[in-house]
Amino acid sequence: MRDYALNQALSRGEYGIVYFLRRVTRNWKSKRRIASLGNFDDYMLRDIGVTRDEVQWAAGLPLTVNAAVALEERALRRRQSGRLE
């Protein structure tokens, strides 16, 4: 019974293959949306609050990282430090 409960917990928890595949799929979609920001001009990117370098950096992240979250955190740190674009 213990093995059954452990296997159920692993398959339903964050260590299951389904969770991993969902996370990679979500990160892939996020990376595609971030890459599409590269088509925006610098004025639009500045209006959004990110730089072209930040967009390129986020688009190059591996699929194990959510590019949208990473881009948001990096842009926020830049703005908080007072650096100009």
PDB file of N, CA and C in Angstrom:
ATOM      1  N   MET A   1       0.823  -1.195   0.000  1.00  0.00           N
ATOM      2  CA  MET A   1       0.000   0.000   0.000  1.00  0.00           C
ATOM      3  C   MET A   1       0.862   1.251   0.000  1.00  0.00           C
ATOM      4  N   ARG A   2       1.963   1.186   0.735  1.00  0.00           N
ATOM      5  CA  ARG A   2       2.859   2.335   0.801  1.00  0.00           C
ATOM      6  C   ARG A   2       3.417   2.661  -0.575  1.00  0.00           C
ATOM      7  N   ASP A   3       3.835   1.654  -1.327  1.00  0.00           N
ATOM      8  CA  ASP A   3       4.373   1.873  -2.671  1.00  0.00           C
ATOM      9  C   ASP A   3       3.320   2.475  -3.591  1.00  0.00           C
ATOM     10  N   TYR A   4       2.092   2.007  -3.485  1.00  0.00           N
ATOM     11  CA  TYR A   4       1.018   2.553  -4.313  1.00  0.00           C
ATOM     12  C   TYR A   4       0.815   4.031  -4.013  1.00  0.00           C
ATOM     13  N   ALA A   5       0.776   4.386  -2.736  1.00  0.00           N
ATOM     14  CA  ALA A   5       0.577   5.787  -2.348  1.00  0.00           C
ATOM     15  C   ALA A   5       1.740   6.647  -2.821  1.00  0.00           C
ATOM     16  N   LEU A   6       2.959   6.129  -2.705  1.00  0.00           N
ATOM     17  CA  LEU A   6       4.131   6.875  -3.135  1.00  0.00           C
ATOM     18  C   LEU A   6       4.107   7.096  -4.652  1.00  0.00           C
ATOM     19  N   ASN A   7       3.766   6.058  -5.401  1.00  0.00           N
ATOM     20  CA  ASN A   7       3.696   6.190  -6.856  1.00  0.00           C
ATOM     21  C   ASN A   7       2.606   7.164  -7.274  1.00  0.00           C
ATOM     22  N   GLN A   8       1.476   7.138  -6.604  1.00  0.00           N
ATOM     23  CA  GLN A   8       0.402   8.077  -6.920  1.00  0.00           C
ATOM     24  C   GLN A   8       0.837   9.511  -6.632  1.00  0.00           C
ATOM     25  N   ALA A   9       1.519   9.712  -5.533  1.00  0.00           N
ATOM     26  CA  ALA A   9       1.977  11.049  -5.176  1.00  0.00           C
ATOM     27  C   ALA A   9       2.987  11.563  -6.198  1.00  0.00           C
ATOM     28  N   LEU A  10       3.886  10.697  -6.641  1.00  0.00           N
ATOM     29  CA  LEU A  10       4.882  11.123  -7.611  1.00  0.00           C
ATOM     30  C   LEU A  10       4.258  11.421  -8.966  1.00  0.00           C
ATOM     31  N   SER A  11       3.277  10.617  -9.368  1.00  0.00           N
ATOM     32  CA  SER A  11       2.680  10.844 -10.682  1.00  0.00           C
ATOM     33  C   SER A  11       1.768  12.064 -10.692  1.00  0.00           C
ATOM     34  N   ARG A  12       1.199  12.405  -9.569  1.00  0.00           N
ATOM     35  CA  ARG A  12       0.309  13.563  -9.488  1.00  0.00           C
ATOM     36  C   ARG A  12       1.023  14.811  -9.011  1.00  0.00           C
ATOM     37  N   GLY A  13       2.157  14.635  -8.385  1.00  0.00           N
ATOM     38  CA  GLY A  13       2.881  15.772  -7.827  1.00  0.00           C
ATOM     39  C   GLY A  13       3.752  16.443  -8.860  1.00  0.00           C
ATOM     40  N   GLU A  14       4.590  17.325  -8.372  1.00  0.00           N
ATOM     41  CA  GLU A  14       5.412  18.101  -9.273  1.00  0.00           C
ATOM     42  C   GLU A  14       6.588  17.311  -9.824  1.00  0.00           C
ATOM     43  N   TYR A  15       6.717  16.051  -9.468  1.00  0.00           N
ATOM     44  CA  TYR A  15       7.813  15.249  -9.980  1.00  0.00           C
ATOM     45  C   TYR A  15       7.367  14.308 -11.090  1.00  0.00           C
ATOM     46  N   GLY A  16       6.108  14.328 -11.428  1.00  0.00           N
ATOM     47  CA  GLY A  16       5.598  13.436 -12.457  1.00  0.00           C
ATOM     48  C   GLY A  16       5.957  13.907 -13.854  1.00  0.00           C
ATOM     49  N   ILE A  17       5.992  12.986 -14.779  1.00  0.00           N
ATOM     50  CA  ILE A  17       6.331  13.303 -16.160  1.00  0.00           C
ATOM     51  C   ILE A  17       5.283  14.222 -16.780  1.00  0.00           C
ATOM     52  N   VAL A  18       4.034  14.073 -16.371  1.00  0.00           N
ATOM     53  CA  VAL A  18       2.979  14.937 -16.909  1.00  0.00           C
ATOM     54  C   VAL A  18       3.228  16.377 -16.498  1.00  0.00           C
ATOM     55  N   TYR A  19       3.595  16.580 -15.262  1.00  0.00           N
ATOM     56  CA  TYR A  19       3.906  17.931 -14.792  1.00  0.00           C
ATOM     57  C   TYR A  19       5.064  18.511 -15.580  1.00  0.00           C
ATOM     58  N   PHE A  20       6.105  17.703 -15.780  1.00  0.00           N
ATOM     59  CA  PHE A  20       7.273  18.167 -16.514  1.00  0.00           C
ATOM     60  C   PHE A  20       6.897  18.559 -17.939  1.00  0.00           C
ATOM     61  N   LEU A  21       6.115  17.740 -18.604  1.00  0.00           N
ATOM     62  CA  LEU A  21       5.716  18.040 -19.975  1.00  0.00           C
ATOM     63  C   LEU A  21       4.840  19.289 -20.046  1.00  0.00           C
ATOM     64  N   ARG A  22       3.960  19.453 -19.090  1.00  0.00           N
ATOM     65  CA  ARG A  22       3.133  20.667 -19.057  1.00  0.00           C
ATOM     66  C   ARG A  22       3.989  21.909 -18.864  1.00  0.00           C
ATOM     67  N   ARG A  23       4.962  21.789 -17.973  1.00  0.00           N
ATOM     68  CA  ARG A  23       5.833  22.930 -17.691  1.00  0.00           C
ATOM     69  C   ARG A  23       6.664  23.288 -18.919  1.00  0.00           C
ATOM     70  N   VAL A  24       7.228  22.296 -19.596  1.00  0.00           N
ATOM     71  CA  VAL A  24       8.027  22.550 -20.791  1.00  0.00           C
ATOM     72  C   VAL A  24       7.154  23.149 -21.897  1.00  0.00           C
ATOM     73  N   THR A  25       5.934  22.641 -22.042  1.00  0.00           N
ATOM     74  CA  THR A  25       5.020  23.179 -23.053  1.00  0.00           C
ATOM     75  C   THR A  25       4.670  24.628 -22.741  1.00  0.00           C
ATOM     76  N   ARG A  26       4.368  24.911 -21.492  1.00  0.00           N
ATOM     77  CA  ARG A  26       4.053  26.285 -21.085  1.00  0.00           C
ATOM     78  C   ARG A  26       5.251  27.202 -21.320  1.00  0.00           C
ATOM     79  N   ASN A  27       6.443  26.731 -20.982  1.00  0.00           N
ATOM     80  CA  ASN A  27       7.639  27.539 -21.177  1.00  0.00           C
ATOM     81  C   ASN A  27       7.938  27.754 -22.657  1.00  0.00           C
ATOM     82  N   TRP A  28       7.663  26.739 -23.493  1.00  0.00           N
ATOM     83  CA  TRP A  28       7.866  26.867 -24.933  1.00  0.00           C
ATOM     84  C   TRP A  28       6.939  27.935 -25.510  1.00  0.00           C
ATOM     85  N   LYS A  29       5.670  27.908 -25.103  1.00  0.00           N
ATOM     86  CA  LYS A  29       4.718  28.919 -25.567  1.00  0.00           C
ATOM     87  C   LYS A  29       5.135  30.310 -25.103  1.00  0.00           C
ATOM     88  N   SER A  30       5.590  30.401 -23.876  1.00  0.00           N
ATOM     89  CA  SER A  30       6.046  31.677 -23.332  1.00  0.00           C
ATOM     90  C   SER A  30       7.250  32.190 -24.117  1.00  0.00           C
ATOM     91  N   LYS A  31       8.165  31.299 -24.441  1.00  0.00           N
ATOM     92  CA  LYS A  31       9.356  31.682 -25.190  1.00  0.00           C
ATOM     93  C   LYS A  31       8.990  32.175 -26.590  1.00  0.00           C
ATOM     94  N   ARG A  32       8.002  31.561 -27.219  1.00  0.00           N
ATOM     95  CA  ARG A  32       7.546  32.006 -28.541  1.00  0.00           C
ATOM     96  C   ARG A  32       6.949  33.411 -28.472  1.00  0.00           C
ATOM     97  N   ARG A  33       6.159  33.674 -27.427  1.00  0.00           N
ATOM     98  CA  ARG A  33       5.574  35.009 -27.276  1.00  0.00           C
ATOM     99  C   ARG A  33       6.656  36.059 -27.031  1.00  0.00           C
ATOM    100  N   ILE A  34       7.656  35.708 -26.227  1.00  0.00           N
ATOM    101  CA  ILE A  34       8.750  36.637 -25.953  1.00  0.00           C
ATOM    102  C   ILE A  34       9.537  36.903 -27.236  1.00  0.00           C
ATOM    103  N   ALA A  35       9.786  35.856 -28.023  1.00  0.00           N
ATOM    104  CA  ALA A  35      10.524  36.023 -29.272  1.00  0.00           C
ATOM    105  C   ALA A  35       9.773  36.945 -30.231  1.00  0.00           C
ATOM    106  N   SER A  36       8.451  36.931 -30.189  1.00  0.00           N
ATOM    107  CA  SER A  36       7.678  37.810 -31.076  1.00  0.00           C
ATOM    108  C   SER A  36       7.844  39.280 -30.691  1.00  0.00           C
ATOM    109  N   LEU A  37       8.257  39.553 -29.464  1.00  0.00           N
ATOM    110  CA  LEU A  37       8.529  40.938 -29.064  1.00  0.00           C
ATOM    111  C   LEU A  37       9.705  41.514 -29.839  1.00  0.00           C
ATOM    112  N   GLY A  38      10.551  40.652 -30.389  1.00  0.00           N
ATOM    113  CA  GLY A  38      11.682  41.118 -31.179  1.00  0.00           C
ATOM    114  C   GLY A  38      11.258  41.864 -32.429  1.00  0.00           C
ATOM    115  N   ASN A  39      10.011  41.684 -32.853  1.00  0.00           N
ATOM    116  CA  ASN A  39       9.490  42.393 -34.021  1.00  0.00           C
ATOM    117  C   ASN A  39       9.031  43.806 -33.692  1.00  0.00           C
ATOM    118  N   PHE A  40       8.915  44.133 -32.423  1.00  0.00           N
ATOM    119  CA  PHE A  40       8.479  45.460 -32.022  1.00  0.00           C
ATOM    120  C   PHE A  40       9.625  46.453 -32.190  1.00  0.00           C
ATOM    121  N   ASP A  41       9.287  47.711 -32.421  1.00  0.00           N
ATOM    122  CA  ASP A  41      10.340  48.721 -32.491  1.00  0.00           C
ATOM    123  C   ASP A  41      10.735  49.136 -31.070  1.00  0.00           C
ATOM    124  N   ASP A  42      11.848  49.864 -30.982  1.00  0.00           N
ATOM    125  CA  ASP A  42      12.389  50.226 -29.669  1.00  0.00           C
ATOM    126  C   ASP A  42      11.425  51.079 -28.859  1.00  0.00           C
ATOM    127  N   TYR A  43      10.647  51.922 -29.524  1.00  0.00           N
ATOM    128  CA  TYR A  43       9.677  52.758 -28.826  1.00  0.00           C
ATOM    129  C   TYR A  43       8.629  51.891 -28.125  1.00  0.00           C
ATOM    130  N   MET A  44       8.126  50.880 -28.819  1.00  0.00           N
ATOM    131  CA  MET A  44       7.113  50.004 -28.221  1.00  0.00           C
ATOM    132  C   MET A  44       7.697  49.187 -27.074  1.00  0.00           C
ATOM    133  N   LEU A  45       8.920  48.700 -27.254  1.00  0.00           N
ATOM    134  CA  LEU A  45       9.560  47.938 -26.178  1.00  0.00           C
ATOM    135  C   LEU A  45       9.766  48.814 -24.951  1.00  0.00           C
ATOM    136  N   ARG A  46      10.182  50.059 -25.168  1.00  0.00           N
ATOM    137  CA  ARG A  46      10.373  50.985 -24.047  1.00  0.00           C
ATOM    138  C   ARG A  46       9.045  51.242 -23.339  1.00  0.00           C
ATOM    139  N   ASP A  47       7.978  51.337 -24.129  1.00  0.00           N
ATOM    140  CA  ASP A  47       6.649  51.542 -23.557  1.00  0.00           C
ATOM    141  C   ASP A  47       6.230  50.342 -22.706  1.00  0.00           C
ATOM    142  N   ILE A  48       6.590  49.149 -23.141  1.00  0.00           N
ATOM    143  CA  ILE A  48       6.302  47.931 -22.374  1.00  0.00           C
ATOM    144  C   ILE A  48       7.168  47.867 -21.114  1.00  0.00           C
ATOM    145  N   GLY A  49       8.372  48.428 -21.206  1.00  0.00           N
ATOM    146  CA  GLY A  49       9.259  48.437 -20.044  1.00  0.00           C
ATOM    147  C   GLY A  49      10.412  47.477 -20.143  1.00  0.00           C
ATOM    148  N   VAL A  50      10.719  47.029 -21.369  1.00  0.00           N
ATOM    149  CA  VAL A  50      11.842  46.116 -21.567  1.00  0.00           C
ATOM    150  C   VAL A  50      12.745  46.674 -22.660  1.00  0.00           C
ATOM    151  N   THR A  51      13.951  46.172 -22.713  1.00  0.00           N
ATOM    152  CA  THR A  51      14.889  46.564 -23.767  1.00  0.00           C
ATOM    153  C   THR A  51      15.035  45.420 -24.761  1.00  0.00           C
ATOM    154  N   ARG A  52      15.561  45.737 -25.920  1.00  0.00           N
ATOM    155  CA  ARG A  52      15.775  44.712 -26.942  1.00  0.00           C
ATOM    156  C   ARG A  52      16.758  43.649 -26.445  1.00  0.00           C
ATOM    157  N   ASP A  53      17.784  44.065 -25.717  1.00  0.00           N
ATOM    158  CA  ASP A  53      18.756  43.110 -25.164  1.00  0.00           C
ATOM    159  C   ASP A  53      18.088  42.138 -24.193  1.00  0.00           C
ATOM    160  N   GLU A  54      17.179  42.654 -23.381  1.00  0.00           N
ATOM    161  CA  GLU A  54      16.470  41.789 -22.437  1.00  0.00           C
ATOM    162  C   GLU A  54      15.587  40.781 -23.167  1.00  0.00           C
ATOM    163  N   VAL A  55      14.942  41.227 -24.237  1.00  0.00           N
ATOM    164  CA  VAL A  55      14.089  40.330 -25.023  1.00  0.00           C
ATOM    165  C   VAL A  55      14.933  39.230 -25.651  1.00  0.00           C
ATOM    166  N   GLN A  56      16.079  39.603 -26.232  1.00  0.00           N
ATOM    167  CA  GLN A  56      16.955  38.612 -26.839  1.00  0.00           C
ATOM    168  C   GLN A  56      17.498  37.641 -25.802  1.00  0.00           C
ATOM    169  N   TRP A  57      17.820  38.154 -24.620  1.00  0.00           N
ATOM    170  CA  TRP A  57      18.296  37.297 -23.542  1.00  0.00           C
ATOM    171  C   TRP A  57      17.227  36.285 -23.141  1.00  0.00           C
ATOM    172  N   ALA A  58      15.992  36.755 -22.956  1.00  0.00           N
ATOM    173  CA  ALA A  58      14.903  35.876 -22.532  1.00  0.00           C
ATOM    174  C   ALA A  58      14.565  34.849 -23.607  1.00  0.00           C
ATOM    175  N   ALA A  59      14.645  35.241 -24.871  1.00  0.00           N
ATOM    176  CA  ALA A  59      14.342  34.311 -25.962  1.00  0.00           C
ATOM    177  C   ALA A  59      15.390  33.203 -26.046  1.00  0.00           C
ATOM    178  N   GLY A  60      16.559  33.438 -25.517  1.00  0.00           N
ATOM    179  CA  GLY A  60      17.622  32.439 -25.551  1.00  0.00           C
ATOM    180  C   GLY A  60      17.678  31.523 -24.347  1.00  0.00           C
ATOM    181  N   LEU A  61      16.773  31.691 -23.421  1.00  0.00           N
ATOM    182  CA  LEU A  61      16.774  30.848 -22.221  1.00  0.00           C
ATOM    183  C   LEU A  61      16.337  29.418 -22.560  1.00  0.00           C
ATOM    184  N   PRO A  62      16.779  28.443 -21.775  1.00  0.00           N
ATOM    185  CA  PRO A  62      16.352  27.060 -22.026  1.00  0.00           C
ATOM    186  C   PRO A  62      14.873  26.863 -21.688  1.00  0.00           C
ATOM    187  N   LEU A  63      14.306  25.765 -22.167  1.00  0.00           N
ATOM    188  CA  LEU A  63      12.885  25.495 -21.947  1.00  0.00           C
ATOM    189  C   LEU A  63      12.551  25.162 -20.495  1.00  0.00           C
ATOM    190  N   THR A  64      13.546  24.945 -19.679  1.00  0.00           N
ATOM    191  CA  THR A  64      13.284  24.679 -18.271  1.00  0.00           C
ATOM    192  C   THR A  64      12.981  25.955 -17.499  1.00  0.00           C
ATOM    193  N   VAL A  65      13.125  27.110 -18.171  1.00  0.00           N
ATOM    194  CA  VAL A  65      12.888  28.407 -17.544  1.00  0.00           C
ATOM    195  C   VAL A  65      11.734  29.089 -18.258  1.00  0.00           C
ATOM    196  N   ASN A  66      10.817  29.683 -17.505  1.00  0.00           N
ATOM    197  CA  ASN A  66       9.724  30.438 -18.094  1.00  0.00           C
ATOM    198  C   ASN A  66      10.280  31.803 -18.509  1.00  0.00           C
ATOM    199  N   ALA A  67      10.374  32.024 -19.814  1.00  0.00           N
ATOM    200  CA  ALA A  67      11.010  33.234 -20.346  1.00  0.00           C
ATOM    201  C   ALA A  67      10.261  34.497 -19.954  1.00  0.00           C
ATOM    202  N   ALA A  68       8.942  34.432 -19.900  1.00  0.00           N
ATOM    203  CA  ALA A  68       8.155  35.623 -19.560  1.00  0.00           C
ATOM    204  C   ALA A  68       8.421  36.051 -18.120  1.00  0.00           C
ATOM    205  N   VAL A  69       8.467  35.098 -17.220  1.00  0.00           N
ATOM    206  CA  VAL A  69       8.724  35.416 -15.811  1.00  0.00           C
ATOM    207  C   VAL A  69      10.147  35.939 -15.646  1.00  0.00           C
ATOM    208  N   ALA A  70      11.102  35.297 -16.312  1.00  0.00           N
ATOM    209  CA  ALA A  70      12.498  35.724 -16.215  1.00  0.00           C
ATOM    210  C   ALA A  70      12.682  37.126 -16.783  1.00  0.00           C
ATOM    211  N   LEU A  71      12.028  37.420 -17.910  1.00  0.00           N
ATOM    212  CA  LEU A  71      12.122  38.754 -18.516  1.00  0.00           C
ATOM    213  C   LEU A  71      11.523  39.803 -17.593  1.00  0.00           C
ATOM    214  N   GLU A  72      10.391  39.506 -17.018  1.00  0.00           N
ATOM    215  CA  GLU A  72       9.744  40.452 -16.109  1.00  0.00           C
ATOM    216  C   GLU A  72      10.628  40.736 -14.897  1.00  0.00           C
ATOM    217  N   GLU A  73      11.215  39.694 -14.322  1.00  0.00           N
ATOM    218  CA  GLU A  73      12.071  39.878 -13.150  1.00  0.00           C
ATOM    219  C   GLU A  73      13.317  40.688 -13.495  1.00  0.00           C
ATOM    220  N   ARG A  74      13.913  40.397 -14.654  1.00  0.00           N
ATOM    221  CA  ARG A  74      15.126  41.123 -15.051  1.00  0.00           C
ATOM    222  C   ARG A  74      14.818  42.595 -15.321  1.00  0.00           C
ATOM    223  N   ALA A  75      13.727  42.870 -16.019  1.00  0.00           N
ATOM    224  CA  ALA A  75      13.351  44.254 -16.303  1.00  0.00           C
ATOM    225  C   ALA A  75      13.027  45.002 -15.011  1.00  0.00           C
ATOM    226  N   LEU A  76      12.369  44.336 -14.082  1.00  0.00           N
ATOM    227  CA  LEU A  76      12.046  44.958 -12.802  1.00  0.00           C
ATOM    228  C   LEU A  76      13.314  45.299 -12.024  1.00  0.00           C
ATOM    229  N   ARG A  77      14.271  44.367 -11.997  1.00  0.00           N
ATOM    230  CA  ARG A  77      15.543  44.641 -11.306  1.00  0.00           C
ATOM    231  C   ARG A  77      16.265  45.827 -11.941  1.00  0.00           C
ATOM    232  N   ARG A  78      16.244  45.908 -13.284  1.00  0.00           N
ATOM    233  CA  ARG A  78      16.894  47.018 -13.980  1.00  0.00           C
ATOM    234  C   ARG A  78      16.231  48.339 -13.611  1.00  0.00           C
ATOM    235  N   ARG A  79      14.911  48.355 -13.617  1.00  0.00           N
ATOM    236  CA  ARG A  79      14.199  49.600 -13.295  1.00  0.00           C
ATOM    237  C   ARG A  79      14.421  50.003 -11.849  1.00  0.00           C
ATOM    238  N   GLN A  80      14.478  49.034 -10.951  1.00  0.00           N
ATOM    239  CA  GLN A  80      14.695  49.345  -9.544  1.00  0.00           C
ATOM    240  C   GLN A  80      16.105  49.866  -9.280  1.00  0.00           C
ATOM    241  N   SER A  81      17.055  49.390 -10.083  1.00  0.00           N
ATOM    242  CA  SER A  81      18.438  49.853  -9.877  1.00  0.00           C
ATOM    243  C   SER A  81      18.661  51.231 -10.473  1.00  0.00           C
ATOM    244  N   GLY A  82      17.686  51.706 -11.288  1.00  0.00           N
ATOM    245  CA  GLY A  82      17.776  53.050 -11.833  1.00  0.00           C
ATOM    246  C   GLY A  82      18.578  53.151 -13.110  1.00  0.00           C
ATOM    247  N   ARG A  83      18.967  52.012 -13.690  1.00  0.00           N
ATOM    248  CA  ARG A  83      19.714  52.056 -14.951  1.00  0.00           C
ATOM    249  C   ARG A  83      18.791  52.458 -16.079  1.00  0.00           C
ATOM    250  N   LEU A  84      19.302  53.249 -16.978  1.00  0.00           N
ATOM    251  CA  LEU A  84      18.543  53.655 -18.157  1.00  0.00           C
ATOM    252  C   LEU A  84      18.621  52.589 -19.225  1.00  0.00           C
ATOM    253  N   GLU A  85      17.662  52.621 -20.141  1.00  0.00           N
ATOM    254  CA  GLU A  85      17.628  51.632 -21.216  1.00  0.00           C
ATOM    255  C   GLU A  85      18.674  51.915 -22.218  1.00  0.00           C
TER     256      GLU A  85
END
